[in-house]
Amino acid sequence: MDLREILVLMVLYAGVDSVNICALSTTVVLSLYAASLGFQGLGKAALPFSFIAGVYVGYVLVGLAVSWVLSYVRVLLLLVVLLAVLLLVLDLREALREESRACRVGECVPSWLQRVKGLKLLFGAFIYGVLVSWSFMMCSAAPYILFLGILSAHVKALFVKVIMVLAYCIIIIAPLVLASLIPMVIAGRLMASLRTVLLARAAVMVLIIALGAYYLAIL
C-alpha cells in the first residue's frame, strides 16, 4: 500500500468523520453564546475557536496514543473492524431516533463554563473541546479508529504517522470552523435536517468499514 492510497483514504475517512453533529451544534451554540455575552468581531470568534482548538488537540492526542498502541500490540488490529462495526450500529441507532441530536445552550454550554468570564472562559472552552473530543466524538469515531489501524499496519515511519494524524485532524475541524463563521440562520436550517445527514453518513460508513477491513486483511 503506497502513500498515495493512504492519503486518499485519509481524506475519505476524515471527511466522513468530520460530520459530527454534537461538535457542530456545540460550535454553533458557542457562537450564539459569545454574541449574547456582548463579544464583537474577533472576540466573538474567540470562544468557538478556543473550543475548536481543544477538539483538535484532543483528537490529535487520541490519534497518536491509539496509533502507538496499535504499532506495538498488533493483535488489536483484528479488533479494529469489530469496534468500527459496533460504532456504526450506535450511529444508526442515533440516526433513527425521533429526537434531534442538536443541542441547546444549556446542553452545549455546560454550567461550569457559563460561570467563568474573560480569558478563563476561553481557556474553559479549550478544555471543553478536549473533553468533547475524548467523549461524545468518540461515539462516532469509527472512521478514525479504522484509519489509525491502517496507518499503524502500513506506515512504519513515526514522522509520517504524526503528519498523517495532524492532517486528518485538520480535516476534522474544517466543518467546525465553517460552522462558527456562517450566519446563524443558515446554521439553523442545516441543523433542521440532522436525521438525513446522519442516515447518509451511516450509509457511507458501510463503505468505509469494508475498505478498512480489506486493507487490514492484507497485512
N, C-alpha and C. Protein backbone atom coordinates (compact mmCIF):
# COMPACT_ATOMS: atom_id res chain seq x y z
N MET A 1 0.86 -1.19 0.00
CA MET A 1 0.00 0.00 0.00
C MET A 1 0.90 1.24 0.00
N ASP A 2 0.78 2.09 -1.04
CA ASP A 2 1.67 3.24 -1.11
C ASP A 2 1.06 4.47 -0.43
N LEU A 3 1.87 5.52 -0.36
CA LEU A 3 1.48 6.73 0.37
C LEU A 3 0.28 7.41 -0.27
N ARG A 4 0.17 7.35 -1.59
CA ARG A 4 -0.97 8.00 -2.26
C ARG A 4 -2.29 7.35 -1.87
N GLU A 5 -2.29 6.03 -1.76
CA GLU A 5 -3.51 5.34 -1.32
C GLU A 5 -3.89 5.76 0.09
N ILE A 6 -2.90 5.88 0.95
CA ILE A 6 -3.16 6.26 2.34
C ILE A 6 -3.70 7.68 2.39
N LEU A 7 -3.17 8.57 1.55
CA LEU A 7 -3.66 9.96 1.52
C LEU A 7 -5.12 10.01 1.08
N VAL A 8 -5.46 9.21 0.05
CA VAL A 8 -6.85 9.16 -0.41
C VAL A 8 -7.77 8.66 0.70
N LEU A 9 -7.33 7.60 1.37
CA LEU A 9 -8.13 7.06 2.48
C LEU A 9 -8.25 8.09 3.61
N MET A 10 -7.18 8.83 3.87
CA MET A 10 -7.22 9.83 4.92
C MET A 10 -8.29 10.88 4.65
N VAL A 11 -8.33 11.37 3.41
CA VAL A 11 -9.32 12.39 3.04
C VAL A 11 -10.73 11.81 3.13
N LEU A 12 -10.91 10.58 2.65
CA LEU A 12 -12.22 9.93 2.69
C LEU A 12 -12.69 9.70 4.12
N TYR A 13 -11.83 9.11 4.91
CA TYR A 13 -12.21 8.77 6.29
C TYR A 13 -12.42 10.04 7.12
N ALA A 14 -11.51 10.99 7.00
CA ALA A 14 -11.64 12.22 7.79
C ALA A 14 -12.85 13.03 7.35
N GLY A 15 -13.16 12.99 6.05
CA GLY A 15 -14.33 13.71 5.56
C GLY A 15 -15.61 13.18 6.19
N VAL A 16 -15.73 11.85 6.29
CA VAL A 16 -16.90 11.26 6.92
C VAL A 16 -16.88 11.53 8.43
N ASP A 17 -15.71 11.40 9.02
CA ASP A 17 -15.56 11.60 10.47
C ASP A 17 -15.88 13.03 10.88
N SER A 18 -15.68 13.99 9.97
CA SER A 18 -15.89 15.39 10.31
C SER A 18 -17.36 15.76 10.45
N VAL A 19 -18.26 14.87 9.96
CA VAL A 19 -19.70 15.12 10.10
C VAL A 19 -20.12 14.65 11.49
N ASN A 20 -19.75 15.42 12.49
CA ASN A 20 -20.07 15.09 13.88
C ASN A 20 -21.06 16.12 14.41
N ILE A 21 -22.31 15.69 14.55
CA ILE A 21 -23.39 16.61 14.87
C ILE A 21 -23.20 17.27 16.23
N CYS A 22 -22.72 16.51 17.20
CA CYS A 22 -22.53 17.07 18.53
C CYS A 22 -21.54 18.23 18.50
N ALA A 23 -20.38 18.01 17.88
CA ALA A 23 -19.36 19.05 17.82
C ALA A 23 -19.83 20.24 16.98
N LEU A 24 -20.54 19.96 15.87
CA LEU A 24 -21.03 21.05 15.01
C LEU A 24 -22.04 21.92 15.74
N SER A 25 -23.02 21.29 16.39
CA SER A 25 -24.05 22.07 17.07
C SER A 25 -23.46 22.81 18.27
N THR A 26 -22.48 22.21 18.94
CA THR A 26 -21.81 22.90 20.05
C THR A 26 -21.11 24.15 19.56
N THR A 27 -20.44 24.05 18.42
CA THR A 27 -19.73 25.21 17.86
C THR A 27 -20.71 26.34 17.54
N VAL A 28 -21.84 25.99 16.92
CA VAL A 28 -22.85 27.00 16.58
C VAL A 28 -23.38 27.67 17.85
N VAL A 29 -23.70 26.86 18.85
CA VAL A 29 -24.26 27.41 20.09
C VAL A 29 -23.24 28.28 20.82
N LEU A 30 -21.97 27.89 20.80
CA LEU A 30 -20.94 28.72 21.42
C LEU A 30 -20.81 30.07 20.73
N SER A 31 -21.01 30.09 19.41
CA SER A 31 -21.01 31.36 18.67
C SER A 31 -22.16 32.24 19.13
N LEU A 32 -23.34 31.63 19.30
CA LEU A 32 -24.50 32.36 19.81
C LEU A 32 -24.27 32.84 21.24
N TYR A 33 -23.67 32.00 22.04
CA TYR A 33 -23.40 32.35 23.43
C TYR A 33 -22.43 33.53 23.51
N ALA A 34 -21.40 33.52 22.65
CA ALA A 34 -20.44 34.61 22.63
C ALA A 34 -21.14 35.93 22.27
N ALA A 35 -22.07 35.87 21.30
CA ALA A 35 -22.81 37.07 20.91
C ALA A 35 -23.69 37.56 22.05
N SER A 36 -24.29 36.62 22.79
CA SER A 36 -25.17 37.00 23.91
C SER A 36 -24.39 37.66 25.04
N LEU A 37 -23.10 37.37 25.13
CA LEU A 37 -22.25 37.99 26.16
C LEU A 37 -21.72 39.34 25.72
N GLY A 38 -22.01 39.74 24.49
CA GLY A 38 -21.57 41.04 24.00
C GLY A 38 -20.26 41.03 23.26
N PHE A 39 -19.73 39.84 22.95
CA PHE A 39 -18.49 39.76 22.17
C PHE A 39 -18.76 40.27 20.76
N GLN A 40 -17.79 40.99 20.22
CA GLN A 40 -17.91 41.51 18.86
C GLN A 40 -16.65 41.20 18.07
N GLY A 41 -16.76 41.12 16.74
CA GLY A 41 -15.60 40.94 15.88
C GLY A 41 -14.82 39.68 16.21
N LEU A 42 -13.48 39.85 16.34
CA LEU A 42 -12.62 38.72 16.64
C LEU A 42 -12.93 38.13 18.01
N GLY A 43 -13.38 38.97 18.92
CA GLY A 43 -13.73 38.48 20.25
C GLY A 43 -14.87 37.48 20.20
N LYS A 44 -15.82 37.71 19.30
CA LYS A 44 -16.95 36.80 19.15
C LYS A 44 -16.49 35.44 18.63
N ALA A 45 -15.49 35.44 17.75
CA ALA A 45 -14.98 34.19 17.18
C ALA A 45 -14.04 33.47 18.13
N ALA A 46 -13.51 34.19 19.12
CA ALA A 46 -12.51 33.60 20.01
C ALA A 46 -13.06 32.43 20.80
N LEU A 47 -14.33 32.52 21.24
CA LEU A 47 -14.91 31.45 22.06
C LEU A 47 -15.07 30.15 21.28
N PRO A 48 -15.77 30.15 20.13
CA PRO A 48 -15.86 28.89 19.37
C PRO A 48 -14.51 28.40 18.87
N PHE A 49 -13.60 29.33 18.54
CA PHE A 49 -12.29 28.91 18.06
C PHE A 49 -11.46 28.26 19.17
N SER A 50 -11.65 28.71 20.40
CA SER A 50 -10.98 28.06 21.53
C SER A 50 -11.48 26.64 21.69
N PHE A 51 -12.80 26.47 21.53
CA PHE A 51 -13.40 25.13 21.59
C PHE A 51 -12.84 24.26 20.47
N ILE A 52 -12.77 24.80 19.26
CA ILE A 52 -12.26 24.04 18.10
C ILE A 52 -10.81 23.64 18.31
N ALA A 53 -10.01 24.56 18.87
CA ALA A 53 -8.61 24.25 19.15
C ALA A 53 -8.51 23.10 20.15
N GLY A 54 -9.39 23.08 21.14
CA GLY A 54 -9.41 21.99 22.10
C GLY A 54 -9.77 20.67 21.45
N VAL A 55 -10.76 20.70 20.55
CA VAL A 55 -11.15 19.49 19.81
C VAL A 55 -9.95 18.97 19.01
N TYR A 56 -9.26 19.88 18.35
CA TYR A 56 -8.12 19.48 17.52
C TYR A 56 -7.03 18.81 18.36
N VAL A 57 -6.65 19.47 19.45
CA VAL A 57 -5.58 18.94 20.31
C VAL A 57 -6.01 17.59 20.89
N GLY A 58 -7.25 17.50 21.36
CA GLY A 58 -7.73 16.25 21.94
C GLY A 58 -7.75 15.12 20.94
N TYR A 59 -8.21 15.40 19.72
CA TYR A 59 -8.30 14.37 18.69
C TYR A 59 -6.90 13.92 18.26
N VAL A 60 -5.97 14.87 18.18
CA VAL A 60 -4.59 14.53 17.82
C VAL A 60 -3.98 13.62 18.88
N LEU A 61 -4.18 13.96 20.15
CA LEU A 61 -3.62 13.15 21.23
C LEU A 61 -4.18 11.73 21.21
N VAL A 62 -5.50 11.61 20.95
CA VAL A 62 -6.11 10.28 20.83
C VAL A 62 -5.47 9.51 19.67
N GLY A 63 -5.31 10.18 18.54
CA GLY A 63 -4.74 9.52 17.36
C GLY A 63 -3.33 9.04 17.59
N LEU A 64 -2.50 9.88 18.21
CA LEU A 64 -1.12 9.49 18.48
C LEU A 64 -1.05 8.33 19.47
N ALA A 65 -1.90 8.39 20.50
CA ALA A 65 -1.89 7.33 21.51
C ALA A 65 -2.35 5.99 20.93
N VAL A 66 -3.48 6.01 20.19
CA VAL A 66 -4.01 4.77 19.61
C VAL A 66 -3.05 4.21 18.58
N SER A 67 -2.48 5.07 17.75
CA SER A 67 -1.54 4.63 16.73
C SER A 67 -0.32 3.97 17.37
N TRP A 68 0.16 4.54 18.47
CA TRP A 68 1.32 3.99 19.16
C TRP A 68 1.00 2.61 19.73
N VAL A 69 -0.18 2.48 20.37
CA VAL A 69 -0.58 1.20 20.96
C VAL A 69 -0.72 0.14 19.87
N LEU A 70 -1.37 0.49 18.76
CA LEU A 70 -1.58 -0.47 17.69
C LEU A 70 -0.27 -0.92 17.05
N SER A 71 0.73 -0.04 17.08
CA SER A 71 2.02 -0.39 16.50
C SER A 71 2.73 -1.47 17.31
N TYR A 72 2.48 -1.49 18.61
CA TYR A 72 3.17 -2.43 19.49
C TYR A 72 2.32 -3.65 19.85
N VAL A 73 1.00 -3.51 19.78
CA VAL A 73 0.11 -4.62 20.11
C VAL A 73 -0.68 -4.96 18.84
N ARG A 74 -0.06 -5.69 17.94
CA ARG A 74 -0.61 -5.91 16.62
C ARG A 74 -1.92 -6.70 16.63
N VAL A 75 -2.09 -7.54 17.66
CA VAL A 75 -3.30 -8.35 17.70
C VAL A 75 -4.56 -7.49 17.79
N LEU A 76 -4.40 -6.25 18.31
CA LEU A 76 -5.56 -5.36 18.43
C LEU A 76 -6.09 -4.93 17.07
N LEU A 77 -5.27 -5.05 16.03
CA LEU A 77 -5.74 -4.70 14.69
C LEU A 77 -6.93 -5.55 14.27
N LEU A 78 -6.97 -6.78 14.79
CA LEU A 78 -8.09 -7.66 14.47
C LEU A 78 -9.40 -7.16 15.07
N LEU A 79 -9.29 -6.37 16.14
CA LEU A 79 -10.48 -5.88 16.81
C LEU A 79 -10.96 -4.53 16.27
N VAL A 80 -10.13 -3.91 15.47
CA VAL A 80 -10.45 -2.56 14.97
C VAL A 80 -11.73 -2.57 14.14
N VAL A 81 -11.84 -3.52 13.22
CA VAL A 81 -13.03 -3.58 12.36
C VAL A 81 -14.28 -3.88 13.19
N LEU A 82 -14.16 -4.79 14.16
CA LEU A 82 -15.30 -5.11 15.02
C LEU A 82 -15.75 -3.88 15.81
N LEU A 83 -14.78 -3.11 16.29
CA LEU A 83 -15.12 -1.88 17.02
C LEU A 83 -15.80 -0.88 16.09
N ALA A 84 -15.32 -0.78 14.85
CA ALA A 84 -15.93 0.12 13.88
C ALA A 84 -17.38 -0.28 13.59
N VAL A 85 -17.62 -1.58 13.48
CA VAL A 85 -18.99 -2.05 13.24
C VAL A 85 -19.89 -1.69 14.42
N LEU A 86 -19.38 -1.87 15.64
CA LEU A 86 -20.15 -1.52 16.83
C LEU A 86 -20.50 -0.03 16.83
N LEU A 87 -19.53 0.81 16.49
CA LEU A 87 -19.78 2.25 16.45
C LEU A 87 -20.78 2.61 15.35
N LEU A 88 -20.73 1.87 14.24
CA LEU A 88 -21.72 2.09 13.17
C LEU A 88 -23.12 1.77 13.66
N VAL A 89 -23.27 0.68 14.40
CA VAL A 89 -24.58 0.32 14.95
C VAL A 89 -25.09 1.41 15.87
N LEU A 90 -24.21 1.95 16.71
CA LEU A 90 -24.60 3.04 17.60
C LEU A 90 -24.98 4.28 16.80
N ASP A 91 -24.23 4.53 15.72
CA ASP A 91 -24.53 5.67 14.83
C ASP A 91 -25.92 5.53 14.22
N LEU A 92 -26.22 4.33 13.73
CA LEU A 92 -27.52 4.09 13.12
C LEU A 92 -28.65 4.24 14.14
N ARG A 93 -28.42 3.77 15.35
CA ARG A 93 -29.44 3.89 16.39
C ARG A 93 -29.75 5.35 16.68
N GLU A 94 -28.70 6.18 16.73
CA GLU A 94 -28.91 7.61 16.95
C GLU A 94 -29.63 8.26 15.78
N ALA A 95 -29.26 7.83 14.55
CA ALA A 95 -29.87 8.42 13.35
C ALA A 95 -31.35 8.12 13.26
N LEU A 96 -31.75 6.95 13.78
CA LEU A 96 -33.15 6.54 13.68
C LEU A 96 -34.00 7.02 14.84
N ARG A 97 -33.38 7.65 15.81
CA ARG A 97 -34.16 8.21 16.92
C ARG A 97 -34.99 9.37 16.42
N GLU A 98 -36.13 9.59 17.03
CA GLU A 98 -37.04 10.65 16.59
C GLU A 98 -36.50 12.04 16.94
N GLU A 99 -35.92 12.16 18.15
CA GLU A 99 -35.50 13.49 18.58
C GLU A 99 -34.19 13.90 17.92
N SER A 100 -34.01 15.21 17.80
CA SER A 100 -32.81 15.75 17.18
C SER A 100 -31.63 15.64 18.14
N ARG A 101 -30.44 15.49 17.55
CA ARG A 101 -29.23 15.45 18.38
C ARG A 101 -28.60 16.83 18.51
N ALA A 102 -29.15 17.83 17.87
CA ALA A 102 -28.61 19.18 18.03
C ALA A 102 -28.90 19.66 19.44
N CYS A 103 -27.92 20.26 20.06
CA CYS A 103 -28.10 20.66 21.46
C CYS A 103 -28.49 22.12 21.58
N ARG A 104 -29.05 22.45 22.74
CA ARG A 104 -29.42 23.82 23.05
C ARG A 104 -28.34 24.44 23.92
N VAL A 105 -28.49 25.73 24.25
CA VAL A 105 -27.46 26.43 25.00
C VAL A 105 -27.14 25.71 26.31
N GLY A 106 -28.17 25.29 27.04
CA GLY A 106 -27.96 24.65 28.32
C GLY A 106 -27.21 23.33 28.23
N GLU A 107 -27.29 22.69 27.05
CA GLU A 107 -26.63 21.41 26.86
C GLU A 107 -25.24 21.58 26.26
N CYS A 108 -25.13 22.50 25.31
CA CYS A 108 -23.85 22.69 24.63
C CYS A 108 -22.87 23.53 25.45
N VAL A 109 -23.39 24.42 26.28
CA VAL A 109 -22.53 25.23 27.13
C VAL A 109 -22.75 24.77 28.57
N PRO A 110 -21.89 23.92 29.09
CA PRO A 110 -22.09 23.38 30.44
C PRO A 110 -22.09 24.47 31.50
N SER A 111 -22.71 24.18 32.63
CA SER A 111 -22.89 25.18 33.69
C SER A 111 -21.55 25.72 34.20
N TRP A 112 -20.54 24.86 34.29
CA TRP A 112 -19.24 25.33 34.80
C TRP A 112 -18.59 26.32 33.85
N LEU A 113 -18.86 26.16 32.54
CA LEU A 113 -18.30 27.09 31.56
C LEU A 113 -19.04 28.43 31.60
N GLN A 114 -20.32 28.40 31.90
CA GLN A 114 -21.11 29.63 31.97
C GLN A 114 -20.76 30.49 33.19
N ARG A 115 -20.06 29.91 34.16
CA ARG A 115 -19.73 30.65 35.38
C ARG A 115 -18.42 31.41 35.29
N VAL A 116 -17.65 31.20 34.21
CA VAL A 116 -16.36 31.87 34.09
C VAL A 116 -16.43 32.96 33.02
N LYS A 117 -15.56 33.94 33.13
CA LYS A 117 -15.55 35.08 32.22
C LYS A 117 -14.13 35.37 31.74
N GLY A 118 -14.03 36.25 30.75
CA GLY A 118 -12.74 36.72 30.27
C GLY A 118 -11.88 35.60 29.70
N LEU A 119 -10.57 35.68 29.98
CA LEU A 119 -9.63 34.69 29.45
C LEU A 119 -9.91 33.30 30.02
N LYS A 120 -10.46 33.25 31.24
CA LYS A 120 -10.80 31.95 31.83
C LYS A 120 -11.88 31.26 31.00
N LEU A 121 -12.77 32.05 30.40
CA LEU A 121 -13.82 31.49 29.56
C LEU A 121 -13.21 30.84 28.31
N LEU A 122 -12.23 31.50 27.72
CA LEU A 122 -11.58 30.95 26.53
C LEU A 122 -10.80 29.68 26.87
N PHE A 123 -10.11 29.70 28.00
CA PHE A 123 -9.38 28.51 28.42
C PHE A 123 -10.36 27.38 28.74
N GLY A 124 -11.48 27.73 29.37
CA GLY A 124 -12.50 26.73 29.67
C GLY A 124 -13.08 26.13 28.42
N ALA A 125 -13.29 26.96 27.37
CA ALA A 125 -13.81 26.44 26.10
C ALA A 125 -12.81 25.49 25.46
N PHE A 126 -11.52 25.79 25.60
CA PHE A 126 -10.47 24.91 25.08
C PHE A 126 -10.52 23.56 25.78
N ILE A 127 -10.59 23.58 27.11
CA ILE A 127 -10.66 22.34 27.88
C ILE A 127 -11.93 21.56 27.53
N TYR A 128 -13.03 22.28 27.36
CA TYR A 128 -14.28 21.64 26.99
C TYR A 128 -14.15 20.94 25.63
N GLY A 129 -13.45 21.59 24.69
CA GLY A 129 -13.22 20.98 23.38
C GLY A 129 -12.43 19.69 23.49
N VAL A 130 -11.41 19.67 24.35
CA VAL A 130 -10.63 18.46 24.57
C VAL A 130 -11.52 17.35 25.14
N LEU A 131 -12.35 17.71 26.12
CA LEU A 131 -13.23 16.72 26.75
C LEU A 131 -14.25 16.16 25.76
N VAL A 132 -14.80 17.04 24.91
CA VAL A 132 -15.76 16.59 23.90
C VAL A 132 -15.09 15.62 22.92
N SER A 133 -13.85 15.93 22.53
CA SER A 133 -13.13 15.05 21.58
C SER A 133 -12.83 13.69 22.20
N TRP A 134 -12.75 13.63 23.52
CA TRP A 134 -12.47 12.37 24.21
C TRP A 134 -13.73 11.62 24.63
N SER A 135 -14.89 12.25 24.47
CA SER A 135 -16.12 11.61 24.95
C SER A 135 -17.13 11.46 23.84
N PHE A 136 -17.97 12.49 23.60
CA PHE A 136 -19.05 12.38 22.62
C PHE A 136 -18.56 12.06 21.21
N MET A 137 -17.44 12.67 20.82
CA MET A 137 -16.96 12.47 19.45
C MET A 137 -16.46 11.04 19.23
N MET A 138 -16.01 10.38 20.30
CA MET A 138 -15.52 9.01 20.17
C MET A 138 -16.65 8.04 19.82
N CYS A 139 -17.90 8.43 20.13
CA CYS A 139 -19.04 7.56 19.83
C CYS A 139 -19.26 7.39 18.34
N SER A 140 -18.76 8.32 17.54
CA SER A 140 -18.93 8.24 16.09
C SER A 140 -17.58 8.25 15.37
N ALA A 141 -16.56 7.75 16.07
CA ALA A 141 -15.19 7.83 15.54
C ALA A 141 -14.75 6.55 14.83
N ALA A 142 -15.70 5.79 14.30
CA ALA A 142 -15.32 4.57 13.58
C ALA A 142 -14.33 4.83 12.45
N PRO A 143 -14.52 5.90 11.64
CA PRO A 143 -13.53 6.16 10.58
C PRO A 143 -12.13 6.42 11.14
N TYR A 144 -12.05 7.13 12.25
CA TYR A 144 -10.76 7.44 12.87
C TYR A 144 -10.07 6.15 13.34
N ILE A 145 -10.83 5.29 14.02
CA ILE A 145 -10.27 4.04 14.51
C ILE A 145 -9.74 3.18 13.35
N LEU A 146 -10.53 3.10 12.29
CA LEU A 146 -10.12 2.31 11.12
C LEU A 146 -8.87 2.91 10.47
N PHE A 147 -8.86 4.23 10.31
CA PHE A 147 -7.71 4.87 9.67
C PHE A 147 -6.45 4.67 10.51
N LEU A 148 -6.57 4.79 11.82
CA LEU A 148 -5.41 4.59 12.69
C LEU A 148 -4.91 3.15 12.60
N GLY A 149 -5.84 2.20 12.43
CA GLY A 149 -5.43 0.82 12.25
C GLY A 149 -4.66 0.63 10.95
N ILE A 150 -5.18 1.22 9.87
CA ILE A 150 -4.50 1.14 8.56
C ILE A 150 -3.13 1.83 8.63
N LEU A 151 -3.10 2.99 9.28
CA LEU A 151 -1.85 3.74 9.42
C LEU A 151 -0.81 2.92 10.19
N SER A 152 -1.22 2.30 11.27
CA SER A 152 -0.29 1.51 12.08
C SER A 152 0.19 0.27 11.33
N ALA A 153 -0.68 -0.28 10.49
CA ALA A 153 -0.33 -1.50 9.77
C ALA A 153 0.58 -1.26 8.57
N HIS A 154 0.43 -0.12 7.91
CA HIS A 154 1.10 0.10 6.63
C HIS A 154 2.16 1.20 6.63
N VAL A 155 2.26 1.97 7.70
CA VAL A 155 3.26 3.05 7.75
C VAL A 155 4.17 2.80 8.95
N LYS A 156 5.45 2.73 8.70
CA LYS A 156 6.41 2.44 9.75
C LYS A 156 7.08 3.70 10.30
N ALA A 157 7.26 4.70 9.46
CA ALA A 157 7.98 5.90 9.89
C ALA A 157 7.14 6.72 10.85
N LEU A 158 7.67 6.99 12.04
CA LEU A 158 6.94 7.74 13.05
C LEU A 158 6.59 9.14 12.58
N PHE A 159 7.53 9.80 11.89
CA PHE A 159 7.30 11.17 11.41
C PHE A 159 6.10 11.22 10.46
N VAL A 160 6.02 10.25 9.56
CA VAL A 160 4.91 10.21 8.60
C VAL A 160 3.59 9.98 9.34
N LYS A 161 3.59 9.10 10.33
CA LYS A 161 2.38 8.85 11.12
C LYS A 161 1.89 10.12 11.79
N VAL A 162 2.81 10.85 12.40
CA VAL A 162 2.43 12.08 13.10
C VAL A 162 1.84 13.09 12.12
N ILE A 163 2.48 13.25 10.97
CA ILE A 163 1.98 14.19 9.95
C ILE A 163 0.60 13.79 9.48
N MET A 164 0.37 12.49 9.29
CA MET A 164 -0.93 11.99 8.85
C MET A 164 -2.02 12.27 9.89
N VAL A 165 -1.71 12.04 11.15
CA VAL A 165 -2.68 12.30 12.21
C VAL A 165 -2.99 13.80 12.28
N LEU A 166 -1.97 14.65 12.19
CA LEU A 166 -2.18 16.10 12.22
C LEU A 166 -3.05 16.55 11.05
N ALA A 167 -2.77 16.01 9.86
CA ALA A 167 -3.55 16.37 8.67
C ALA A 167 -4.99 15.87 8.78
N TYR A 168 -5.16 14.64 9.27
CA TYR A 168 -6.50 14.07 9.45
C TYR A 168 -7.34 14.98 10.35
N CYS A 169 -6.75 15.43 11.43
CA CYS A 169 -7.49 16.24 12.39
C CYS A 169 -7.79 17.65 11.88
N ILE A 170 -6.98 18.14 10.95
CA ILE A 170 -7.29 19.42 10.31
C ILE A 170 -8.58 19.29 9.51
N ILE A 171 -8.72 18.17 8.79
CA ILE A 171 -9.96 17.93 8.03
C ILE A 171 -11.14 17.82 8.99
N ILE A 172 -10.92 17.19 10.15
CA ILE A 172 -11.97 17.02 11.14
C ILE A 172 -12.55 18.36 11.59
N ILE A 173 -11.68 19.33 11.84
CA ILE A 173 -12.15 20.61 12.40
C ILE A 173 -12.61 21.60 11.33
N ALA A 174 -12.37 21.30 10.05
CA ALA A 174 -12.76 22.24 8.99
C ALA A 174 -14.25 22.58 9.03
N PRO A 175 -15.17 21.60 9.16
CA PRO A 175 -16.60 21.95 9.26
C PRO A 175 -16.92 22.77 10.52
N LEU A 176 -16.17 22.55 11.59
CA LEU A 176 -16.40 23.32 12.82
C LEU A 176 -16.05 24.79 12.60
N VAL A 177 -14.95 25.03 11.89
CA VAL A 177 -14.56 26.41 11.58
C VAL A 177 -15.63 27.07 10.73
N LEU A 178 -16.13 26.36 9.72
CA LEU A 178 -17.20 26.90 8.87
C LEU A 178 -18.47 27.17 9.69
N ALA A 179 -18.79 26.25 10.60
CA ALA A 179 -20.00 26.40 11.43
C ALA A 179 -19.91 27.63 12.32
N SER A 180 -18.70 27.99 12.72
CA SER A 180 -18.53 29.16 13.58
C SER A 180 -18.60 30.48 12.81
N LEU A 181 -18.49 30.39 11.48
CA LEU A 181 -18.44 31.60 10.65
C LEU A 181 -19.72 31.87 9.87
N ILE A 182 -20.47 30.81 9.54
CA ILE A 182 -21.66 31.01 8.72
C ILE A 182 -22.75 31.70 9.52
N PRO A 183 -23.65 32.43 8.86
CA PRO A 183 -24.76 33.09 9.57
C PRO A 183 -25.60 32.08 10.34
N MET A 184 -26.11 32.50 11.48
CA MET A 184 -26.86 31.61 12.35
C MET A 184 -28.15 31.09 11.69
N VAL A 185 -28.72 31.88 10.77
CA VAL A 185 -29.93 31.45 10.08
C VAL A 185 -29.65 30.21 9.25
N ILE A 186 -28.53 30.24 8.54
CA ILE A 186 -28.14 29.10 7.71
C ILE A 186 -27.84 27.90 8.60
N ALA A 187 -27.15 28.14 9.71
CA ALA A 187 -26.81 27.05 10.63
C ALA A 187 -28.08 26.39 11.16
N GLY A 188 -29.08 27.21 11.46
CA GLY A 188 -30.34 26.66 11.97
C GLY A 188 -31.01 25.77 10.95
N ARG A 189 -30.97 26.15 9.68
CA ARG A 189 -31.57 25.32 8.63
C ARG A 189 -30.82 24.00 8.47
N LEU A 190 -29.50 24.06 8.58
CA LEU A 190 -28.72 22.84 8.47
C LEU A 190 -29.03 21.89 9.62
N MET A 191 -29.17 22.43 10.81
CA MET A 191 -29.45 21.60 11.97
C MET A 191 -30.84 20.97 11.91
N ALA A 192 -31.71 21.55 11.09
CA ALA A 192 -33.07 21.01 10.98
C ALA A 192 -33.10 19.70 10.19
N SER A 193 -32.04 19.42 9.44
CA SER A 193 -32.01 18.20 8.61
C SER A 193 -31.00 17.19 9.14
N LEU A 194 -30.87 17.16 10.45
CA LEU A 194 -29.85 16.30 11.07
C LEU A 194 -30.07 14.82 10.75
N ARG A 195 -31.32 14.39 10.80
CA ARG A 195 -31.59 12.96 10.61
C ARG A 195 -31.15 12.50 9.23
N THR A 196 -31.41 13.30 8.21
CA THR A 196 -30.99 12.95 6.86
C THR A 196 -29.48 12.87 6.76
N VAL A 197 -28.80 13.83 7.38
CA VAL A 197 -27.34 13.84 7.37
C VAL A 197 -26.78 12.60 8.06
N LEU A 198 -27.36 12.25 9.19
CA LEU A 198 -26.88 11.09 9.95
C LEU A 198 -27.10 9.79 9.19
N LEU A 199 -28.24 9.66 8.52
CA LEU A 199 -28.52 8.46 7.75
C LEU A 199 -27.57 8.34 6.56
N ALA A 200 -27.30 9.46 5.90
CA ALA A 200 -26.36 9.45 4.77
C ALA A 200 -24.96 9.08 5.26
N ARG A 201 -24.57 9.61 6.40
CA ARG A 201 -23.27 9.30 6.98
C ARG A 201 -23.17 7.80 7.31
N ALA A 202 -24.22 7.25 7.87
CA ALA A 202 -24.23 5.83 8.22
C ALA A 202 -24.11 4.96 6.97
N ALA A 203 -24.76 5.38 5.88
CA ALA A 203 -24.68 4.61 4.63
C ALA A 203 -23.25 4.60 4.09
N VAL A 204 -22.59 5.75 4.13
CA VAL A 204 -21.20 5.83 3.66
C VAL A 204 -20.29 5.01 4.57
N MET A 205 -20.65 4.93 5.86
CA MET A 205 -19.84 4.19 6.81
C MET A 205 -19.71 2.71 6.43
N VAL A 206 -20.72 2.16 5.77
CA VAL A 206 -20.64 0.76 5.33
C VAL A 206 -19.46 0.59 4.37
N LEU A 207 -19.32 1.53 3.43
CA LEU A 207 -18.18 1.50 2.50
C LEU A 207 -16.87 1.70 3.25
N ILE A 208 -16.87 2.62 4.21
CA ILE A 208 -15.68 2.90 4.99
C ILE A 208 -15.19 1.64 5.71
N ILE A 209 -16.11 0.93 6.34
CA ILE A 209 -15.75 -0.27 7.09
C ILE A 209 -15.26 -1.37 6.15
N ALA A 210 -15.91 -1.50 4.99
CA ALA A 210 -15.48 -2.52 4.02
C ALA A 210 -14.05 -2.24 3.54
N LEU A 211 -13.75 -0.99 3.26
CA LEU A 211 -12.39 -0.63 2.84
C LEU A 211 -11.39 -0.91 3.96
N GLY A 212 -11.77 -0.52 5.19
CA GLY A 212 -10.89 -0.76 6.31
C GLY A 212 -10.60 -2.23 6.51
N ALA A 213 -11.65 -3.05 6.41
CA ALA A 213 -11.49 -4.49 6.56
C ALA A 213 -10.56 -5.05 5.48
N TYR A 214 -10.68 -4.53 4.27
CA TYR A 214 -9.84 -5.00 3.16
C TYR A 214 -8.38 -4.69 3.41
N TYR A 215 -8.09 -3.43 3.77
CA TYR A 215 -6.69 -3.04 3.96
C TYR A 215 -6.07 -3.63 5.21
N LEU A 216 -6.88 -3.97 6.20
CA LEU A 216 -6.34 -4.64 7.39
C LEU A 216 -6.19 -6.14 7.16
N ALA A 217 -6.95 -6.67 6.19
CA ALA A 217 -6.88 -8.11 5.91
C ALA A 217 -5.68 -8.48 5.08
N ILE A 218 -5.09 -7.49 4.38
CA ILE A 218 -3.95 -7.79 3.50
C ILE A 218 -2.62 -7.48 4.18
N LEU A 219 -2.58 -7.55 5.50
CA LEU A 219 -1.33 -7.30 6.22
C LEU A 219 -0.26 -8.32 5.79
